[in-house]
N, C-alpha and C. Protein backbone atom coordinates (compact mmCIF):
# COMPACT_ATOMS: atom_id res chain seq x y z
N MET A 1 -24.00 74.77 -56.46
CA MET A 1 -22.79 74.58 -55.68
C MET A 1 -21.67 75.44 -56.26
N GLU A 2 -20.87 76.05 -55.41
CA GLU A 2 -19.77 76.90 -55.81
C GLU A 2 -18.63 76.10 -56.38
N SER A 3 -17.89 76.66 -57.34
CA SER A 3 -16.69 76.02 -57.83
C SER A 3 -15.61 76.16 -56.74
N PHE A 4 -14.58 75.34 -56.83
CA PHE A 4 -13.56 75.42 -55.82
C PHE A 4 -12.83 76.78 -55.87
N GLU A 5 -12.65 77.32 -57.10
CA GLU A 5 -11.96 78.62 -57.23
C GLU A 5 -12.73 79.71 -56.44
N GLN A 6 -14.05 79.68 -56.57
CA GLN A 6 -14.90 80.66 -55.84
C GLN A 6 -14.78 80.42 -54.34
N LEU A 7 -14.84 79.17 -53.96
CA LEU A 7 -14.74 78.80 -52.55
C LEU A 7 -13.39 79.23 -51.97
N ALA A 8 -12.33 79.00 -52.72
CA ALA A 8 -10.98 79.36 -52.29
C ALA A 8 -10.87 80.87 -52.10
N GLU A 9 -11.44 81.62 -53.04
CA GLU A 9 -11.38 83.08 -52.93
C GLU A 9 -12.19 83.54 -51.69
N LYS A 10 -13.34 82.90 -51.50
CA LYS A 10 -14.20 83.29 -50.39
C LYS A 10 -13.57 82.98 -49.02
N TYR A 11 -12.88 81.84 -48.91
CA TYR A 11 -12.33 81.40 -47.64
C TYR A 11 -10.83 81.71 -47.47
N SER A 12 -10.24 82.40 -48.42
CA SER A 12 -8.83 82.77 -48.32
C SER A 12 -8.57 83.61 -47.06
N PRO A 13 -9.40 84.58 -46.72
CA PRO A 13 -9.15 85.31 -45.46
C PRO A 13 -9.21 84.42 -44.21
N MET A 14 -10.07 83.40 -44.25
CA MET A 14 -10.14 82.48 -43.12
C MET A 14 -8.86 81.69 -42.99
N ILE A 15 -8.30 81.24 -44.11
CA ILE A 15 -7.05 80.48 -44.10
C ILE A 15 -5.93 81.33 -43.54
N HIS A 16 -5.86 82.60 -44.01
CA HIS A 16 -4.83 83.50 -43.48
C HIS A 16 -5.04 83.80 -42.00
N ALA A 17 -6.29 83.89 -41.58
CA ALA A 17 -6.57 84.14 -40.14
C ALA A 17 -6.12 82.97 -39.29
N ILE A 18 -6.30 81.74 -39.78
CA ILE A 18 -5.87 80.56 -39.04
C ILE A 18 -4.34 80.55 -38.96
N ILE A 19 -3.67 80.86 -40.05
CA ILE A 19 -2.22 80.93 -40.07
C ILE A 19 -1.72 81.93 -39.03
N ASN A 20 -2.35 83.09 -38.97
CA ASN A 20 -1.96 84.08 -38.01
C ASN A 20 -2.28 83.67 -36.58
N LYS A 21 -3.43 83.04 -36.38
CA LYS A 21 -3.83 82.61 -35.04
C LYS A 21 -2.90 81.55 -34.49
N LEU A 22 -2.36 80.70 -35.39
CA LEU A 22 -1.45 79.65 -34.98
C LEU A 22 0.02 80.14 -34.92
N HIS A 23 0.19 81.44 -35.17
CA HIS A 23 1.51 82.08 -35.10
C HIS A 23 2.54 81.40 -36.04
N ILE A 24 2.05 81.07 -37.24
CA ILE A 24 2.94 80.47 -38.23
C ILE A 24 3.67 81.60 -38.92
N TYR A 25 4.98 81.58 -38.85
CA TYR A 25 5.77 82.63 -39.47
C TYR A 25 6.75 82.06 -40.49
N LYS A 26 7.04 80.78 -40.41
CA LYS A 26 7.90 80.16 -41.40
C LYS A 26 7.01 79.41 -42.38
N ASN A 27 7.40 79.39 -43.62
CA ASN A 27 6.70 78.64 -44.66
C ASN A 27 5.21 78.98 -44.75
N LYS A 28 4.88 80.25 -44.69
CA LYS A 28 3.46 80.65 -44.74
C LYS A 28 2.80 80.17 -46.00
N GLN A 29 3.51 80.23 -47.14
CA GLN A 29 2.89 79.82 -48.40
C GLN A 29 2.58 78.33 -48.40
N GLU A 30 3.48 77.53 -47.81
CA GLU A 30 3.20 76.09 -47.71
C GLU A 30 1.97 75.83 -46.86
N PHE A 31 1.84 76.55 -45.75
CA PHE A 31 0.69 76.35 -44.88
C PHE A 31 -0.59 76.87 -45.54
N TYR A 32 -0.46 77.89 -46.39
CA TYR A 32 -1.62 78.37 -47.14
C TYR A 32 -2.09 77.24 -48.10
N GLN A 33 -1.13 76.56 -48.72
CA GLN A 33 -1.45 75.43 -49.60
C GLN A 33 -2.10 74.31 -48.79
N VAL A 34 -1.60 74.04 -47.62
CA VAL A 34 -2.19 73.04 -46.74
C VAL A 34 -3.65 73.42 -46.46
N GLY A 35 -3.87 74.71 -46.21
CA GLY A 35 -5.22 75.22 -45.95
C GLY A 35 -6.14 75.05 -47.15
N LEU A 36 -5.62 75.31 -48.34
CA LEU A 36 -6.43 75.14 -49.58
C LEU A 36 -6.79 73.68 -49.78
N ILE A 37 -5.84 72.80 -49.57
CA ILE A 37 -6.12 71.37 -49.71
C ILE A 37 -7.15 70.93 -48.69
N ALA A 38 -7.02 71.43 -47.46
CA ALA A 38 -7.99 71.09 -46.42
C ALA A 38 -9.37 71.63 -46.76
N LEU A 39 -9.42 72.84 -47.33
CA LEU A 39 -10.68 73.41 -47.78
C LEU A 39 -11.33 72.54 -48.85
N TRP A 40 -10.52 72.08 -49.78
CA TRP A 40 -11.04 71.20 -50.84
C TRP A 40 -11.60 69.91 -50.25
N GLU A 41 -10.85 69.32 -49.30
CA GLU A 41 -11.30 68.09 -48.67
C GLU A 41 -12.55 68.34 -47.83
N ALA A 42 -12.62 69.49 -47.17
CA ALA A 42 -13.78 69.84 -46.37
C ALA A 42 -15.03 69.95 -47.28
N GLN A 43 -14.83 70.55 -48.46
CA GLN A 43 -15.93 70.67 -49.40
C GLN A 43 -16.43 69.30 -49.84
N ARG A 44 -15.50 68.39 -50.08
CA ARG A 44 -15.88 67.04 -50.52
C ARG A 44 -16.56 66.24 -49.43
N ASN A 45 -16.13 66.43 -48.17
CA ASN A 45 -16.63 65.61 -47.07
C ASN A 45 -17.81 66.25 -46.34
N PHE A 46 -18.14 67.47 -46.65
CA PHE A 46 -19.18 68.20 -45.91
C PHE A 46 -20.54 67.55 -46.06
N GLN A 47 -21.26 67.45 -44.92
CA GLN A 47 -22.59 66.93 -44.87
C GLN A 47 -23.48 68.03 -44.31
N PRO A 48 -24.32 68.67 -45.14
CA PRO A 48 -25.11 69.81 -44.70
C PRO A 48 -26.00 69.58 -43.51
N GLU A 49 -26.47 68.37 -43.33
CA GLU A 49 -27.36 68.07 -42.21
C GLU A 49 -26.65 68.14 -40.86
N LYS A 50 -25.32 68.18 -40.86
CA LYS A 50 -24.55 68.20 -39.62
C LYS A 50 -24.15 69.59 -39.15
N GLY A 51 -24.47 70.65 -39.94
CA GLY A 51 -24.14 71.98 -39.48
C GLY A 51 -23.74 72.90 -40.64
N ALA A 52 -23.23 74.06 -40.26
CA ALA A 52 -22.83 75.07 -41.25
C ALA A 52 -21.44 74.74 -41.81
N PHE A 53 -21.29 75.04 -43.12
CA PHE A 53 -20.02 74.74 -43.78
C PHE A 53 -18.86 75.57 -43.24
N ALA A 54 -19.09 76.83 -42.93
CA ALA A 54 -18.03 77.72 -42.47
C ALA A 54 -17.37 77.19 -41.21
N SER A 55 -18.15 76.75 -40.24
CA SER A 55 -17.56 76.24 -38.99
C SER A 55 -16.88 74.91 -39.23
N TYR A 56 -17.45 74.09 -40.09
CA TYR A 56 -16.82 72.80 -40.43
C TYR A 56 -15.48 73.04 -41.13
N ALA A 57 -15.48 73.95 -42.09
CA ALA A 57 -14.27 74.27 -42.85
C ALA A 57 -13.19 74.81 -41.92
N TYR A 58 -13.57 75.70 -41.02
CA TYR A 58 -12.61 76.30 -40.08
C TYR A 58 -11.92 75.23 -39.25
N SER A 59 -12.72 74.36 -38.64
CA SER A 59 -12.11 73.33 -37.76
C SER A 59 -11.31 72.33 -38.59
N PHE A 60 -11.75 72.01 -39.81
CA PHE A 60 -11.04 71.07 -40.66
C PHE A 60 -9.69 71.65 -41.08
N ILE A 61 -9.68 72.92 -41.51
CA ILE A 61 -8.46 73.57 -41.94
C ILE A 61 -7.51 73.73 -40.75
N LYS A 62 -8.00 74.19 -39.64
CA LYS A 62 -7.16 74.37 -38.46
C LYS A 62 -6.54 73.04 -38.01
N GLY A 63 -7.34 71.99 -38.04
CA GLY A 63 -6.84 70.65 -37.65
C GLY A 63 -5.70 70.18 -38.56
N ARG A 64 -5.89 70.41 -39.88
CA ARG A 64 -4.84 70.01 -40.80
C ARG A 64 -3.56 70.81 -40.58
N MET A 65 -3.70 72.09 -40.33
CA MET A 65 -2.53 72.93 -40.08
C MET A 65 -1.81 72.51 -38.79
N LEU A 66 -2.55 72.19 -37.76
CA LEU A 66 -1.96 71.72 -36.51
C LEU A 66 -1.20 70.42 -36.73
N THR A 67 -1.78 69.52 -37.53
CA THR A 67 -1.10 68.27 -37.85
C THR A 67 0.19 68.55 -38.60
N GLU A 68 0.12 69.42 -39.58
CA GLU A 68 1.32 69.80 -40.37
C GLU A 68 2.39 70.46 -39.49
N LEU A 69 1.96 71.31 -38.54
CA LEU A 69 2.91 71.94 -37.64
C LEU A 69 3.62 70.88 -36.77
N SER A 70 2.84 69.93 -36.28
CA SER A 70 3.40 68.86 -35.47
C SER A 70 4.38 68.04 -36.26
N ASN A 71 4.04 67.67 -37.49
CA ASN A 71 4.93 66.89 -38.33
C ASN A 71 6.18 67.66 -38.66
N SER A 72 6.05 68.95 -38.94
CA SER A 72 7.21 69.80 -39.25
C SER A 72 8.14 69.87 -38.04
N ARG A 73 7.57 70.06 -36.87
CA ARG A 73 8.38 70.12 -35.63
C ARG A 73 9.13 68.82 -35.41
N LYS A 74 8.44 67.72 -35.60
CA LYS A 74 9.12 66.41 -35.41
C LYS A 74 10.23 66.23 -36.40
N TRP A 75 10.02 66.64 -37.64
CA TRP A 75 11.05 66.51 -38.68
C TRP A 75 12.24 67.38 -38.35
N GLU A 76 11.98 68.63 -37.93
CA GLU A 76 13.07 69.54 -37.57
C GLU A 76 13.88 69.00 -36.41
N GLU A 77 13.22 68.45 -35.42
CA GLU A 77 13.94 67.90 -34.27
C GLU A 77 14.78 66.70 -34.67
N ALA A 78 14.19 65.86 -35.53
CA ALA A 78 14.92 64.66 -35.95
C ALA A 78 16.11 64.96 -36.82
N THR A 79 16.01 65.99 -37.63
CA THR A 79 17.08 66.30 -38.55
C THR A 79 17.96 67.44 -38.10
N SER A 80 17.73 67.97 -36.91
CA SER A 80 18.52 69.13 -36.49
C SER A 80 19.99 68.84 -36.35
N THR A 81 20.36 67.59 -36.08
CA THR A 81 21.76 67.25 -35.95
C THR A 81 22.27 66.45 -37.14
N LEU A 82 21.38 66.21 -38.12
CA LEU A 82 21.85 65.50 -39.31
C LEU A 82 22.82 66.37 -40.10
N LEU A 83 23.68 65.76 -40.80
CA LEU A 83 24.61 66.48 -41.64
C LEU A 83 23.86 67.14 -42.79
N VAL A 84 24.29 68.32 -43.13
CA VAL A 84 23.69 69.04 -44.25
C VAL A 84 24.73 69.14 -45.36
N GLU A 85 24.38 68.61 -46.51
CA GLU A 85 25.29 68.72 -47.66
C GLU A 85 25.21 70.12 -48.20
N THR A 86 26.33 70.75 -48.39
CA THR A 86 26.36 72.12 -48.90
C THR A 86 26.78 72.09 -50.35
N ASN A 87 26.61 73.21 -51.02
CA ASN A 87 26.99 73.32 -52.41
C ASN A 87 28.48 73.14 -52.62
N ALA A 88 29.26 73.44 -51.61
CA ALA A 88 30.71 73.33 -51.72
C ALA A 88 31.15 71.88 -51.62
N GLY A 89 30.24 70.96 -51.31
CA GLY A 89 30.56 69.57 -51.26
C GLY A 89 31.08 69.06 -49.94
N PHE A 90 30.95 69.81 -48.89
CA PHE A 90 31.39 69.33 -47.59
C PHE A 90 30.19 69.38 -46.63
N SER A 91 30.37 68.77 -45.46
CA SER A 91 29.29 68.66 -44.49
C SER A 91 29.53 69.56 -43.32
N GLU A 92 28.45 70.00 -42.72
CA GLU A 92 28.53 70.88 -41.56
C GLU A 92 27.60 70.35 -40.48
N PHE A 93 27.91 70.65 -39.23
CA PHE A 93 27.04 70.41 -38.10
C PHE A 93 26.65 71.74 -37.53
N PRO A 94 25.50 71.82 -36.88
CA PRO A 94 25.19 73.05 -36.16
C PRO A 94 26.26 73.38 -35.13
N ALA A 95 26.36 74.60 -34.73
CA ALA A 95 27.40 75.04 -33.80
C ALA A 95 27.37 74.23 -32.50
N ASN A 96 28.52 73.91 -31.99
CA ASN A 96 28.63 73.15 -30.75
C ASN A 96 29.85 73.65 -29.98
N ASP A 97 29.88 73.37 -28.70
CA ASP A 97 31.01 73.79 -27.87
C ASP A 97 32.31 73.11 -28.28
N GLU A 98 32.20 71.91 -28.81
CA GLU A 98 33.38 71.14 -29.12
C GLU A 98 33.36 70.69 -30.60
N PRO A 99 33.41 71.64 -31.55
CA PRO A 99 33.32 71.26 -32.95
C PRO A 99 34.52 70.42 -33.44
N PHE A 100 35.67 70.64 -32.83
CA PHE A 100 36.85 69.93 -33.30
C PHE A 100 36.71 68.43 -33.11
N GLU A 101 36.14 67.98 -31.99
CA GLU A 101 35.94 66.56 -31.76
C GLU A 101 35.00 65.98 -32.81
N LYS A 102 33.95 66.70 -33.13
CA LYS A 102 33.01 66.24 -34.16
C LYS A 102 33.72 66.20 -35.53
N GLU A 103 34.54 67.17 -35.76
CA GLU A 103 35.26 67.24 -37.03
C GLU A 103 36.17 66.02 -37.20
N ILE A 104 36.84 65.64 -36.15
CA ILE A 104 37.70 64.44 -36.19
C ILE A 104 36.86 63.21 -36.45
N LEU A 105 35.76 63.11 -35.72
CA LEU A 105 34.85 61.96 -35.88
C LEU A 105 34.31 61.92 -37.32
N LEU A 106 33.95 63.07 -37.86
CA LEU A 106 33.41 63.12 -39.20
C LEU A 106 34.45 62.79 -40.27
N SER A 107 35.70 62.98 -39.93
CA SER A 107 36.74 62.68 -40.93
C SER A 107 36.77 61.17 -41.25
N TYR A 108 36.25 60.36 -40.35
CA TYR A 108 36.16 58.93 -40.59
C TYR A 108 34.85 58.54 -41.31
N CYS A 109 33.95 59.49 -41.50
CA CYS A 109 32.61 59.19 -41.99
C CYS A 109 32.38 59.59 -43.45
N LYS A 110 33.43 59.80 -44.21
CA LYS A 110 33.26 60.30 -45.57
C LYS A 110 32.51 59.35 -46.48
N THR A 111 32.59 58.06 -46.24
CA THR A 111 31.92 57.11 -47.10
C THR A 111 30.53 56.75 -46.61
N LEU A 112 30.10 57.29 -45.48
CA LEU A 112 28.82 56.94 -44.90
C LEU A 112 27.68 57.81 -45.45
N THR A 113 26.46 57.25 -45.40
CA THR A 113 25.29 58.01 -45.76
C THR A 113 24.98 58.97 -44.65
N SER A 114 24.09 59.92 -44.90
CA SER A 114 23.75 60.90 -43.84
C SER A 114 23.12 60.21 -42.63
N LYS A 115 22.35 59.17 -42.81
CA LYS A 115 21.74 58.44 -41.68
C LYS A 115 22.81 57.70 -40.89
N GLN A 116 23.76 57.13 -41.60
CA GLN A 116 24.83 56.43 -40.91
C GLN A 116 25.69 57.43 -40.14
N LYS A 117 25.94 58.61 -40.71
CA LYS A 117 26.70 59.65 -40.01
C LYS A 117 25.93 60.12 -38.78
N PHE A 118 24.61 60.23 -38.91
CA PHE A 118 23.76 60.61 -37.80
C PHE A 118 23.93 59.60 -36.68
N TRP A 119 23.93 58.28 -37.03
CA TRP A 119 24.12 57.26 -36.01
C TRP A 119 25.50 57.38 -35.34
N VAL A 120 26.54 57.58 -36.13
CA VAL A 120 27.91 57.71 -35.56
C VAL A 120 27.96 58.86 -34.60
N ILE A 121 27.49 60.03 -34.96
CA ILE A 121 27.55 61.21 -34.12
C ILE A 121 26.69 61.00 -32.87
N ALA A 122 25.48 60.49 -33.05
CA ALA A 122 24.59 60.30 -31.92
C ALA A 122 25.15 59.26 -30.94
N THR A 123 25.81 58.26 -31.46
CA THR A 123 26.36 57.18 -30.61
C THR A 123 27.67 57.60 -29.95
N PHE A 124 28.63 58.03 -30.74
CA PHE A 124 29.96 58.25 -30.22
C PHE A 124 30.22 59.65 -29.68
N TYR A 125 29.46 60.63 -30.15
CA TYR A 125 29.65 62.00 -29.67
C TYR A 125 28.64 62.34 -28.60
N ASP A 126 27.35 62.02 -28.89
CA ASP A 126 26.27 62.36 -27.92
C ASP A 126 26.06 61.26 -26.90
N GLY A 127 26.56 60.03 -27.14
CA GLY A 127 26.43 58.94 -26.21
C GLY A 127 25.02 58.40 -26.10
N LEU A 128 24.26 58.44 -27.15
CA LEU A 128 22.88 57.95 -27.11
C LEU A 128 22.79 56.46 -27.39
N THR A 129 21.77 55.81 -26.86
CA THR A 129 21.51 54.40 -27.13
C THR A 129 20.71 54.31 -28.42
N THR A 130 20.58 53.07 -28.91
CA THR A 130 19.79 52.81 -30.12
C THR A 130 18.35 53.30 -29.94
N LYS A 131 17.80 53.03 -28.78
CA LYS A 131 16.43 53.45 -28.49
C LYS A 131 16.31 54.96 -28.48
N GLU A 132 17.28 55.64 -27.88
CA GLU A 132 17.26 57.12 -27.82
C GLU A 132 17.42 57.72 -29.21
N ILE A 133 18.28 57.12 -30.03
CA ILE A 133 18.47 57.61 -31.39
C ILE A 133 17.18 57.43 -32.20
N ALA A 134 16.52 56.31 -32.05
CA ALA A 134 15.29 56.04 -32.76
C ALA A 134 14.23 57.06 -32.35
N HIS A 135 14.14 57.34 -31.07
CA HIS A 135 13.18 58.34 -30.60
C HIS A 135 13.50 59.71 -31.16
N LYS A 136 14.76 60.07 -31.12
CA LYS A 136 15.19 61.41 -31.59
C LYS A 136 14.91 61.57 -33.09
N ALA A 137 15.11 60.52 -33.87
CA ALA A 137 14.93 60.58 -35.31
C ALA A 137 13.52 60.19 -35.76
N SER A 138 12.66 59.84 -34.80
CA SER A 138 11.28 59.43 -35.08
C SER A 138 11.23 58.26 -36.07
N VAL A 139 12.09 57.26 -35.82
CA VAL A 139 12.10 56.05 -36.63
C VAL A 139 12.10 54.84 -35.70
N SER A 140 12.00 53.66 -36.27
CA SER A 140 12.01 52.45 -35.45
C SER A 140 13.44 52.11 -35.03
N GLU A 141 13.54 51.31 -33.97
CA GLU A 141 14.86 50.88 -33.53
C GLU A 141 15.52 50.00 -34.58
N SER A 142 14.73 49.22 -35.33
CA SER A 142 15.34 48.37 -36.35
C SER A 142 15.94 49.23 -37.47
N ALA A 143 15.38 50.40 -37.76
CA ALA A 143 15.96 51.30 -38.76
C ALA A 143 17.32 51.78 -38.28
N VAL A 144 17.41 52.15 -37.01
CA VAL A 144 18.68 52.61 -36.43
C VAL A 144 19.70 51.48 -36.45
N LYS A 145 19.27 50.26 -36.19
CA LYS A 145 20.17 49.13 -36.21
C LYS A 145 20.73 48.88 -37.62
N LYS A 146 19.90 49.14 -38.64
CA LYS A 146 20.38 49.02 -40.03
C LYS A 146 21.42 50.09 -40.33
N TRP A 147 21.19 51.33 -39.82
CA TRP A 147 22.17 52.40 -39.99
C TRP A 147 23.50 51.97 -39.37
N LYS A 148 23.38 51.43 -38.13
CA LYS A 148 24.56 51.01 -37.38
C LYS A 148 25.31 49.94 -38.15
N LYS A 149 24.61 48.94 -38.63
CA LYS A 149 25.24 47.82 -39.30
C LYS A 149 25.97 48.32 -40.57
N GLY A 150 25.30 49.16 -41.36
CA GLY A 150 25.93 49.69 -42.55
C GLY A 150 27.13 50.57 -42.24
N ALA A 151 27.02 51.38 -41.22
CA ALA A 151 28.12 52.26 -40.83
C ALA A 151 29.32 51.47 -40.36
N LEU A 152 29.08 50.47 -39.51
CA LEU A 152 30.18 49.67 -39.00
C LEU A 152 30.90 48.89 -40.11
N GLU A 153 30.09 48.37 -41.06
CA GLU A 153 30.72 47.65 -42.18
C GLU A 153 31.61 48.55 -43.00
N LYS A 154 31.14 49.77 -43.27
CA LYS A 154 31.95 50.73 -44.07
C LYS A 154 33.16 51.18 -43.28
N LEU A 155 33.00 51.42 -41.98
CA LEU A 155 34.12 51.87 -41.17
C LEU A 155 35.19 50.78 -41.04
N LYS A 156 34.76 49.54 -40.91
CA LYS A 156 35.73 48.43 -40.80
C LYS A 156 36.53 48.32 -42.10
N GLN A 157 35.90 48.56 -43.24
CA GLN A 157 36.59 48.48 -44.51
C GLN A 157 37.66 49.57 -44.62
N GLN A 158 37.44 50.70 -43.97
CA GLN A 158 38.41 51.82 -44.02
C GLN A 158 39.67 51.54 -43.25
N PHE A 159 39.59 50.74 -42.20
CA PHE A 159 40.73 50.48 -41.34
C PHE A 159 41.44 49.22 -41.78
N ASN A 160 42.69 49.15 -41.47
CA ASN A 160 43.50 47.96 -41.77
C ASN A 160 42.94 46.79 -40.98
N PRO A 161 42.64 45.69 -41.62
CA PRO A 161 42.03 44.54 -40.90
C PRO A 161 42.96 43.97 -39.83
N GLU A 162 44.27 44.23 -39.90
CA GLU A 162 45.21 43.73 -38.90
C GLU A 162 45.16 44.55 -37.60
N THR A 163 44.64 45.81 -37.73
CA THR A 163 44.53 46.67 -36.54
C THR A 163 43.35 46.24 -35.74
N LYS A 164 43.56 45.96 -34.46
CA LYS A 164 42.48 45.52 -33.59
C LYS A 164 41.99 46.69 -32.76
N THR A 165 41.44 47.68 -33.40
CA THR A 165 40.97 48.86 -32.68
C THR A 165 39.53 48.63 -32.22
N GLU A 166 39.31 48.83 -30.96
CA GLU A 166 37.96 48.72 -30.43
C GLU A 166 37.25 50.06 -30.60
N ILE A 167 36.04 49.98 -31.04
CA ILE A 167 35.25 51.19 -31.17
C ILE A 167 34.29 51.24 -29.95
N LYS A 168 34.36 52.33 -29.20
CA LYS A 168 33.47 52.47 -28.05
C LYS A 168 32.75 53.80 -28.08
N ASN A 169 31.53 53.81 -27.53
CA ASN A 169 30.84 55.08 -27.41
C ASN A 169 31.21 55.69 -26.06
N SER A 170 30.63 56.84 -25.74
CA SER A 170 30.99 57.59 -24.55
C SER A 170 30.63 56.84 -23.27
N ARG A 171 29.74 55.86 -23.38
CA ARG A 171 29.34 55.07 -22.19
C ARG A 171 30.22 53.87 -22.01
N GLY A 172 31.18 53.68 -22.92
CA GLY A 172 32.09 52.55 -22.78
C GLY A 172 31.61 51.28 -23.44
N ASN A 173 30.49 51.32 -24.17
CA ASN A 173 29.98 50.12 -24.84
C ASN A 173 30.79 49.87 -26.12
N ARG A 174 31.15 48.60 -26.32
CA ARG A 174 31.88 48.24 -27.55
C ARG A 174 30.90 47.99 -28.69
N PHE A 175 31.40 48.25 -29.92
CA PHE A 175 30.60 47.98 -31.09
C PHE A 175 31.40 47.19 -32.10
């Protein structure tokens, strides 16, 4: 039986071919590592009586890369509107037609976590429901409700308790 190093050298062109076939252009080295891990797992799980190793390895590696692509896409979609902490210590949002409104909204969110800020922006700027936010962030509705509860508690502490300001989202729902 070949050592994994020999196997990796032998199947390296196959891994690169799969990366090219799937049109992966970002994070190629990460996907190459995913391919190596999949090759190692394929070697461990291979049953010779079921067919040739090369075809098994190809489908196993390609399947893992497709799964990783899907997970990466979901993560990018979920975090595309999340605040990004920069080295300068301030937060930014991706470009939008109305950045000033977001900036004002964010000025109230300095004490919030990134998830709580995500909830605030998604609720009050984008007008999304809890269910829609959960879908967008690929999390459960109960997770979004926890973000909401924490955000509202922190926001209430920032305002004078004597002020009876109602907080509403763009759909007119009170919180």
